[in-house]
Amino acid sequence: MLQGYFQNQSERTTAVAQKLNERSSTPAQSGDNRGTARFGSLLALVVLIVLAQIPVVSAHGGEGPLVISQQASIAVTLGGIGLVAGCALLKRHEQVSPTTALYGIGVGLFVIILGIIIFDGVTPDPTYAASSMPFPRSWYEVLGLGVGVSVVVASFGIGMLRWPTRPRYTFLGILMGLWISYPYVIRGSASYTHPLGYLIVLGTPILVGYVVWTDRGDVVRAALRDRVARRFGAIVTLLSGIFFLSSSGYLSFFWEEGLPRERVITVLPVNYQLVQWDTLEIVLPQIPLTVALSIGVVTIVGLLSVLIGMNALLIAWQWRLEEGAGITQGTAGTGSVIGACTCGCCGPLVAKIAVLAAGPSVAAPLYWVFVDSSSPLSALFIVATVVIFTATLVHSTEKMDPGVS
């Protein structure tokens, strides 16, 4: 979607350079500062309105601190979606400038994440008996090896035929295939501490970074020189990280039954994404706040968040180039930022939404296929996110001129 858009806009970028550079003078910087102040004020106002007007209930129906009700959290999320869509449409119809639209979208994304976090916190986690599995657990091994080997073979074939001079694409595809099939190549508890598992997890961000920096590093550096685009990318990166941590259960602002009532700071071995990591767990019931961090969590969540944030950075930069040229048409690329909240690390959230929308009997197969940690297809949430956003970042910027800043 973005590729055609950027191709159509590429011939305009040279003419835009001088105009945008003129806007980067001292008056423009003061304007950016005023925009930042307006953004902060609007964000604070939105939060106060949201927290002051909506009804409250206890988290998960327990006796803990009062939080927003499930219905209200859905309304907050829909309100954020409406704000993002409205800003994008106003920008498209030239009612607001691209810079103003970006600030509005930033507030809208914050409201969306706020609503999702609250919904995830007040909705009980679905539980299913083994009898609800749509197929025997023994199928997991066949599915895992089949999908993993298929990804490896397809990556090798497509890479050799389409990108023979870019073997890094082939290597990335092979690595993703190994990610899916790893639990069935290294069997049993040995897989949790095997060096190959750590190599796959830690090697993925290194290889992705090499691909992006080698192919589009010049464009990313040019985009980072634009203050508004840089701030927008940072906001999206931060919000994505909070979303992924919250939806995967490693960050919670809700008190739940079974949690200690006193402050706890401890380090425990936890299995996360193929292998076992020493995880720092902090429980602060007075706030309430529960957070768990490990090298694995920081690596994976950081990779996904940065990829999404870099896509947002380039979209914002292109919008700013349009503003410098007096062009305010098109909203291509906005969906890729919003769509980030629909994949990667959010399997449990998907299961809750499915239960709410269709009932437990319909949601059970989705849980066992995509959410159960033993299912090979649950790894597709991670693999698909990495591949999609890396590919979008690389191919959507092929025609962009890095000389424009």
Protein backbone atom coordinates (compact mmCIF):
# COMPACT_ATOMS: atom_id res chain seq x y z
CA MET A 1 0.00 0.00 0.00
CA LEU A 2 2.73 2.47 0.96
CA GLN A 3 4.98 1.57 -1.96
CA GLY A 4 2.73 2.98 -4.65
CA TYR A 5 2.07 6.07 -2.58
CA PHE A 6 5.74 6.87 -2.08
CA GLN A 7 6.48 6.13 -5.75
CA ASN A 8 3.83 8.66 -6.80
CA GLN A 9 5.21 11.26 -4.41
CA SER A 10 8.93 10.74 -5.14
CA GLU A 11 9.16 13.18 -8.03
CA ARG A 12 7.92 15.96 -5.74
CA THR A 13 10.52 15.56 -3.05
CA THR A 14 13.29 17.50 -4.75
CA ALA A 15 11.13 20.60 -5.11
CA VAL A 16 10.05 20.25 -1.51
CA ALA A 17 13.57 20.26 -0.04
CA GLN A 18 14.17 24.00 -0.18
CA LYS A 19 10.74 24.86 1.17
CA LEU A 20 10.97 22.47 4.08
CA ASN A 21 14.47 23.65 4.93
CA GLU A 22 13.13 27.20 5.08
CA ARG A 23 10.46 25.97 7.52
CA SER A 24 13.20 24.49 9.71
CA SER A 25 14.53 27.95 10.66
CA THR A 26 14.15 29.50 14.11
CA PRO A 27 10.50 30.59 13.65
CA ALA A 28 9.60 27.06 12.62
CA GLN A 29 11.36 25.67 15.64
CA SER A 30 9.34 27.92 17.91
CA GLY A 31 6.25 26.73 16.07
CA ASP A 32 7.24 23.15 16.75
CA ASN A 33 7.66 24.02 20.42
CA ARG A 34 4.19 25.55 20.47
CA GLY A 35 2.88 22.41 18.75
CA THR A 36 4.51 20.25 21.41
CA ALA A 37 2.95 22.35 24.16
CA ARG A 38 -0.46 22.07 22.50
CA PHE A 39 0.00 18.32 22.18
CA GLY A 40 0.87 17.97 25.87
CA SER A 41 -2.05 20.14 26.95
CA LEU A 42 -4.49 18.27 24.71
CA LEU A 43 -3.21 14.92 25.94
CA ALA A 44 -3.60 15.92 29.59
CA LEU A 45 -7.09 17.25 28.91
CA VAL A 46 -8.15 14.05 27.17
CA VAL A 47 -6.87 11.89 30.04
CA LEU A 48 -8.67 13.99 32.65
CA ILE A 49 -11.93 13.90 30.72
CA VAL A 50 -11.70 10.15 30.18
CA LEU A 51 -10.93 9.37 33.82
CA ALA A 52 -13.49 11.80 35.23
CA GLN A 53 -16.53 10.90 33.15
CA ILE A 54 -16.63 7.10 32.87
CA PRO A 55 -18.05 4.66 35.42
CA VAL A 56 -15.85 2.36 37.50
CA VAL A 57 -15.92 -1.23 38.71
CA SER A 58 -13.44 -3.51 40.46
CA ALA A 59 -10.73 -5.14 38.39
CA HIS A 60 -11.83 -8.62 37.25
CA GLY A 61 -14.77 -8.30 39.60
CA GLY A 62 -12.54 -8.57 42.67
CA GLU A 63 -12.05 -6.37 45.68
CA GLY A 64 -9.05 -4.44 44.39
CA PRO A 65 -8.83 -0.78 43.41
CA LEU A 66 -11.63 0.67 41.30
CA VAL A 67 -11.04 0.89 37.55
CA ILE A 68 -12.99 1.73 34.44
CA SER A 69 -15.74 -0.69 33.42
CA GLN A 70 -15.42 -2.97 30.40
CA GLN A 71 -18.06 -1.10 28.38
CA ALA A 72 -16.41 2.23 29.11
CA SER A 73 -13.01 0.91 28.04
CA ILE A 74 -14.50 -0.12 24.70
CA ALA A 75 -16.00 3.36 24.34
CA VAL A 76 -12.60 4.93 25.08
CA THR A 77 -10.94 2.74 22.44
CA LEU A 78 -13.57 3.58 19.84
CA GLY A 79 -13.20 7.26 20.70
CA GLY A 80 -9.46 7.06 20.07
CA ILE A 81 -10.03 5.31 16.76
CA GLY A 82 -12.48 8.03 15.80
CA LEU A 83 -9.97 10.74 16.70
CA VAL A 84 -7.23 9.11 14.59
CA ALA A 85 -9.57 8.60 11.63
CA GLY A 86 -10.94 12.13 11.97
CA CYS A 87 -7.50 13.72 11.97
CA ALA A 88 -6.47 11.69 8.94
CA LEU A 89 -9.61 12.68 7.05
CA LEU A 90 -9.29 16.35 8.00
CA LYS A 91 -5.73 16.28 6.71
CA ARG A 92 -6.85 14.62 3.49
CA HIS A 93 -9.51 17.29 2.89
CA GLU A 94 -7.07 20.10 3.74
CA GLN A 95 -8.95 21.19 6.86
CA VAL A 96 -5.84 20.89 9.04
CA SER A 97 -2.15 20.88 8.29
CA PRO A 98 -0.21 17.58 8.29
CA THR A 99 1.68 18.68 11.41
CA THR A 100 -1.55 19.35 13.30
CA ALA A 101 -2.95 16.04 12.08
CA LEU A 102 0.13 14.22 13.38
CA TYR A 103 -0.29 15.72 16.85
CA GLY A 104 -3.97 14.76 16.83
CA ILE A 105 -3.19 11.23 15.72
CA GLY A 106 -0.62 10.96 18.50
CA VAL A 107 -3.32 11.83 21.06
CA GLY A 108 -5.73 9.41 19.39
CA LEU A 109 -3.21 6.57 19.53
CA PHE A 110 -2.66 7.27 23.23
CA VAL A 111 -6.41 7.05 23.86
CA ILE A 112 -6.60 3.79 21.89
CA ILE A 113 -3.78 2.21 23.90
CA LEU A 114 -5.35 3.48 27.14
CA GLY A 115 -8.68 1.89 26.24
CA ILE A 116 -7.05 -1.40 25.22
CA ILE A 117 -4.99 -1.61 28.42
CA ILE A 118 -8.08 -0.99 30.55
CA PHE A 119 -10.13 -3.52 28.56
CA ASP A 120 -7.39 -6.10 28.95
CA GLY A 121 -7.16 -5.39 32.67
CA VAL A 122 -10.87 -5.57 33.52
CA THR A 123 -11.71 -8.56 31.28
CA PRO A 124 -11.15 -11.98 32.87
CA ASP A 125 -8.60 -14.20 31.19
CA PRO A 126 -10.39 -17.02 29.31
CA THR A 127 -9.71 -20.57 30.49
CA TYR A 128 -10.36 -23.70 28.47
CA ALA A 129 -10.31 -27.39 29.27
CA ALA A 130 -8.16 -29.71 27.19
CA SER A 131 -11.34 -31.31 25.86
CA SER A 132 -12.11 -28.11 23.93
CA MET A 133 -9.04 -28.53 21.70
CA PRO A 134 -10.14 -28.77 18.04
CA PHE A 135 -7.44 -31.37 17.32
CA PRO A 136 -4.95 -33.54 19.24
CA ARG A 137 -1.93 -31.79 20.73
CA SER A 138 0.26 -34.24 18.78
CA TRP A 139 -0.61 -32.22 15.67
CA TYR A 140 1.43 -29.32 17.01
CA GLU A 141 4.69 -31.00 16.05
CA VAL A 142 3.51 -31.69 12.50
CA LEU A 143 2.22 -28.12 12.13
CA GLY A 144 5.36 -26.58 13.62
CA LEU A 145 7.80 -28.53 11.46
CA GLY A 146 5.63 -28.17 8.38
CA VAL A 147 5.19 -24.40 8.67
CA GLY A 148 8.81 -23.83 9.72
CA VAL A 149 10.33 -25.92 6.93
CA SER A 150 7.97 -24.32 4.41
CA VAL A 151 9.10 -20.85 5.45
CA VAL A 152 12.76 -21.86 5.18
CA VAL A 153 12.33 -23.42 1.72
CA ALA A 154 10.18 -20.54 0.43
CA SER A 155 12.67 -17.98 1.74
CA PHE A 156 15.56 -19.73 0.03
CA GLY A 157 13.72 -20.12 -3.28
CA ILE A 158 12.21 -16.63 -3.43
CA GLY A 159 15.43 -15.02 -2.22
CA MET A 160 17.55 -16.73 -4.89
CA LEU A 161 15.10 -15.92 -7.69
CA ARG A 162 14.00 -12.39 -6.83
CA TRP A 163 16.84 -10.96 -4.73
CA PRO A 164 19.97 -12.86 -5.70
CA THR A 165 22.16 -9.87 -4.78
CA ARG A 166 20.52 -9.43 -1.37
CA PRO A 167 21.11 -12.68 0.52
CA ARG A 168 20.22 -10.91 3.76
CA TYR A 169 16.54 -11.29 2.83
CA THR A 170 17.01 -15.03 2.44
CA PHE A 171 18.83 -15.30 5.76
CA LEU A 172 16.06 -13.37 7.53
CA GLY A 173 13.40 -15.68 6.10
CA ILE A 174 15.39 -18.77 7.09
CA LEU A 175 15.80 -17.37 10.61
CA MET A 176 12.04 -16.85 10.88
CA GLY A 177 11.43 -20.42 9.76
CA LEU A 178 13.86 -21.66 12.41
CA TRP A 179 11.99 -19.58 15.00
CA ILE A 180 8.75 -21.46 14.23
CA SER A 181 10.26 -24.94 14.08
CA TYR A 182 12.83 -24.58 16.90
CA PRO A 183 10.73 -26.18 19.71
CA TYR A 184 10.35 -29.30 17.57
CA VAL A 185 13.97 -29.44 16.44
CA ILE A 186 15.31 -29.17 20.02
CA ARG A 187 12.84 -31.24 22.01
CA GLY A 188 11.81 -31.19 25.63
CA SER A 189 13.13 -29.03 28.43
CA ALA A 190 16.55 -28.84 26.73
CA SER A 191 15.08 -26.32 24.28
CA TYR A 192 14.66 -23.74 27.07
CA THR A 193 18.40 -23.39 27.60
CA HIS A 194 19.89 -24.45 24.26
CA PRO A 195 22.32 -21.93 22.70
CA LEU A 196 20.51 -22.16 19.35
CA GLY A 197 17.35 -20.72 20.89
CA TYR A 198 19.22 -17.74 22.34
CA LEU A 199 20.99 -17.26 19.00
CA ILE A 200 17.67 -17.12 17.14
CA VAL A 201 16.08 -14.62 19.54
CA LEU A 202 19.10 -12.33 19.94
CA GLY A 203 20.15 -12.67 16.31
CA THR A 204 16.79 -11.53 14.92
CA PRO A 205 17.04 -7.82 15.89
CA ILE A 206 20.67 -7.76 14.72
CA LEU A 207 19.76 -9.14 11.29
CA VAL A 208 16.67 -6.93 10.98
CA GLY A 209 18.73 -3.89 11.92
CA TYR A 210 21.36 -4.82 9.35
CA VAL A 211 18.71 -5.19 6.62
CA VAL A 212 17.05 -1.86 7.40
CA TRP A 213 20.27 0.09 7.87
CA THR A 214 21.91 -1.35 4.77
CA ASP A 215 18.95 -0.78 2.46
CA ARG A 216 17.25 2.31 3.94
CA GLY A 217 19.60 3.77 6.51
CA ASP A 218 20.03 6.97 4.52
CA VAL A 219 16.27 7.57 4.34
CA VAL A 220 15.83 6.89 8.06
CA ARG A 221 18.64 9.31 8.92
CA ALA A 222 17.06 11.99 6.74
CA ALA A 223 13.67 11.49 8.38
CA LEU A 224 15.20 11.71 11.85
CA ARG A 225 16.40 15.23 11.07
CA ASP A 226 12.78 16.43 11.00
CA ARG A 227 11.80 17.30 14.57
CA VAL A 228 8.05 16.67 14.28
CA ALA A 229 8.49 13.37 12.45
CA ARG A 230 11.09 12.28 15.00
CA ARG A 231 8.76 13.05 17.90
CA PHE A 232 5.85 11.27 16.24
CA GLY A 233 7.98 8.18 15.64
CA ALA A 234 9.14 8.22 19.27
CA ILE A 235 5.55 8.52 20.54
CA VAL A 236 4.40 5.57 18.40
CA THR A 237 7.41 3.52 19.51
CA LEU A 238 6.67 4.18 23.18
CA LEU A 239 2.94 3.47 22.84
CA SER A 240 3.65 0.26 20.90
CA GLY A 241 6.01 -0.93 23.62
CA ILE A 242 3.45 -0.25 26.35
CA PHE A 243 0.78 -2.03 24.30
CA PHE A 244 2.87 -5.13 23.71
CA LEU A 245 4.00 -5.36 27.34
CA SER A 246 0.45 -4.93 28.62
CA SER A 247 -1.23 -7.31 26.18
CA SER A 248 1.35 -10.03 26.85
CA GLY A 249 0.97 -9.71 30.63
CA TYR A 250 4.38 -8.25 31.43
CA LEU A 251 2.96 -4.90 32.46
CA SER A 252 -0.20 -4.37 34.49
CA PHE A 253 -1.76 -1.44 36.30
CA PHE A 254 -4.44 -3.56 37.97
CA TRP A 255 -4.47 -5.38 41.28
CA GLU A 256 -5.50 -9.03 40.92
CA GLU A 257 -6.33 -11.88 43.27
CA GLY A 258 -3.25 -13.84 44.28
CA LEU A 259 -0.79 -10.97 44.04
CA PRO A 260 1.18 -10.14 47.19
CA ARG A 261 -0.07 -7.18 49.21
CA GLU A 262 3.42 -5.91 49.94
CA ARG A 263 6.17 -4.67 47.63
CA VAL A 264 8.07 -7.47 45.93
CA ILE A 265 11.23 -7.24 43.83
CA THR A 266 12.65 -10.58 42.74
CA VAL A 267 14.39 -12.36 39.87
CA LEU A 268 12.84 -15.56 38.54
CA PRO A 269 13.57 -17.81 35.54
CA VAL A 270 10.71 -17.42 33.05
CA ASN A 271 10.21 -19.04 29.64
CA TYR A 272 9.62 -16.37 27.01
CA GLN A 273 9.88 -16.75 23.24
CA LEU A 274 11.69 -20.07 22.78
CA VAL A 275 14.07 -19.98 25.76
CA GLN A 276 14.36 -19.21 29.47
CA TRP A 277 15.36 -15.79 30.77
CA ASP A 278 16.19 -14.44 34.21
CA THR A 279 13.30 -12.03 34.70
CA LEU A 280 13.15 -9.07 37.06
CA GLU A 281 9.65 -8.93 38.56
CA ILE A 282 8.44 -5.88 40.44
CA VAL A 283 5.10 -5.79 42.25
CA LEU A 284 3.96 -2.47 43.77
CA PRO A 285 0.41 -3.09 45.07
CA GLN A 286 0.07 0.45 46.43
CA ILE A 287 0.07 1.96 42.91
CA PRO A 288 -0.90 -0.75 41.70
CA LEU A 289 1.83 -1.78 39.25
CA THR A 290 3.25 -5.11 38.15
CA VAL A 291 6.11 -5.26 35.67
CA ALA A 292 8.38 -8.09 34.54
CA LEU A 293 11.42 -7.44 32.37
CA SER A 294 14.15 -9.65 30.96
CA ILE A 295 16.67 -9.48 28.15
CA GLY A 296 14.27 -11.48 26.00
CA VAL A 297 11.28 -9.24 26.71
CA VAL A 298 13.27 -6.06 26.07
CA THR A 299 14.73 -7.55 22.87
CA ILE A 300 11.46 -8.70 21.30
CA VAL A 301 9.22 -5.86 22.47
CA GLY A 302 11.93 -3.36 21.59
CA LEU A 303 12.33 -4.82 18.09
CA LEU A 304 8.61 -4.76 17.32
CA SER A 305 8.10 -1.30 18.79
CA VAL A 306 11.05 0.23 16.95
CA LEU A 307 9.93 -1.28 13.63
CA ILE A 308 6.46 0.20 14.08
CA GLY A 309 7.88 3.51 15.23
CA MET A 310 10.21 3.73 12.23
CA ASN A 311 7.29 3.14 9.87
CA ALA A 312 5.42 5.92 11.68
CA LEU A 313 8.50 8.15 11.44
CA LEU A 314 8.65 7.79 7.65
CA ILE A 315 4.92 8.38 7.26
CA ALA A 316 5.17 11.54 9.34
CA TRP A 317 8.19 12.69 7.37
CA GLN A 318 6.35 12.23 4.07
CA TRP A 319 3.40 14.21 5.43
CA ARG A 320 5.77 16.99 6.46
CA LEU A 321 7.28 17.03 2.98
CA GLU A 322 3.77 17.45 1.58
CA GLU A 323 3.18 20.32 3.96
CA GLY A 324 6.38 22.00 2.81
CA ALA A 325 5.21 21.72 -0.80
CA GLY A 326 1.68 22.88 -0.01
CA ILE A 327 0.27 19.40 -0.74
CA THR A 328 -2.20 17.95 1.79
CA GLN A 329 -3.78 15.11 -0.15
CA GLY A 330 -3.70 11.44 0.70
CA THR A 331 -3.52 9.54 3.95
CA ALA A 332 -1.69 6.46 2.73
CA GLY A 333 0.27 4.69 5.39
CA THR A 334 -1.86 5.67 8.37
CA GLY A 335 -3.38 2.20 8.50
CA SER A 336 0.01 0.57 8.97
CA VAL A 337 0.51 2.44 12.24
CA ILE A 338 -3.00 1.73 13.52
CA GLY A 339 -2.77 -1.86 12.30
CA ALA A 340 0.25 -2.40 14.51
CA CYS A 341 -2.16 -2.97 17.37
CA THR A 342 -3.70 -5.98 15.64
CA CYS A 343 -0.71 -8.31 15.49
CA GLY A 344 2.30 -9.35 17.46
CA CYS A 345 2.30 -10.24 21.18
CA CYS A 346 -1.46 -9.73 21.45
CA GLY A 347 -2.79 -13.26 21.21
CA PRO A 348 -4.36 -13.19 24.71
CA LEU A 349 -6.09 -9.92 23.86
CA VAL A 350 -7.47 -11.45 20.65
CA ALA A 351 -8.82 -14.37 22.67
CA LYS A 352 -10.65 -11.99 25.05
CA ILE A 353 -12.18 -10.07 22.16
CA ALA A 354 -13.29 -13.34 20.54
CA VAL A 355 -14.96 -14.46 23.77
CA LEU A 356 -16.76 -11.13 24.06
CA ALA A 357 -17.87 -11.11 20.42
CA ALA A 358 -18.65 -14.77 19.73
CA GLY A 359 -18.69 -16.64 23.02
CA PRO A 360 -16.34 -19.20 24.61
CA SER A 361 -17.29 -22.09 22.33
CA VAL A 362 -16.32 -20.17 19.20
CA ALA A 363 -13.21 -18.63 20.77
CA ALA A 364 -11.82 -21.96 22.04
CA PRO A 365 -10.31 -23.07 18.70
CA LEU A 366 -8.71 -19.64 18.24
CA TYR A 367 -7.15 -19.93 21.68
CA TRP A 368 -5.65 -23.36 21.11
CA VAL A 369 -4.32 -22.50 17.65
CA PHE A 370 -2.95 -18.97 18.19
CA VAL A 371 -2.69 -18.26 21.93
CA ASP A 372 -1.61 -21.51 23.56
CA SER A 373 2.14 -21.20 24.10
CA SER A 374 2.59 -24.78 22.90
CA SER A 375 1.02 -24.02 19.53
CA PRO A 376 3.51 -23.39 16.71
CA LEU A 377 1.13 -20.93 15.10
CA SER A 378 1.38 -18.65 18.15
CA ALA A 379 4.89 -17.83 16.96
CA LEU A 380 3.34 -16.42 13.77
CA PHE A 381 2.23 -13.34 15.75
CA ILE A 382 5.88 -12.48 16.28
CA VAL A 383 7.26 -13.68 12.95
CA ALA A 384 4.52 -12.04 10.88
CA THR A 385 4.97 -8.70 12.65
CA VAL A 386 8.73 -8.71 12.12
CA VAL A 387 8.47 -9.66 8.44
CA ILE A 388 5.56 -7.33 7.58
CA PHE A 389 7.00 -4.20 9.15
CA THR A 390 10.53 -4.86 7.94
CA ALA A 391 9.25 -5.38 4.40
CA THR A 392 7.06 -2.26 4.61
CA LEU A 393 9.95 -0.19 5.90
CA VAL A 394 12.30 -1.35 3.13
CA HIS A 395 10.05 -1.45 0.07
CA SER A 396 7.85 1.57 0.77
CA THR A 397 10.89 3.87 0.76
CA GLU A 398 12.57 2.65 -2.41
CA LYS A 399 11.73 5.85 -4.33
CA MET A 400 12.20 8.31 -1.50
CA ASP A 401 15.03 10.81 -1.84
CA PRO A 402 17.29 10.76 1.23
CA GLY A 403 18.68 14.12 0.20
CA VAL A 404 15.43 15.80 1.28
CA SER A 405 15.49 16.78 4.96
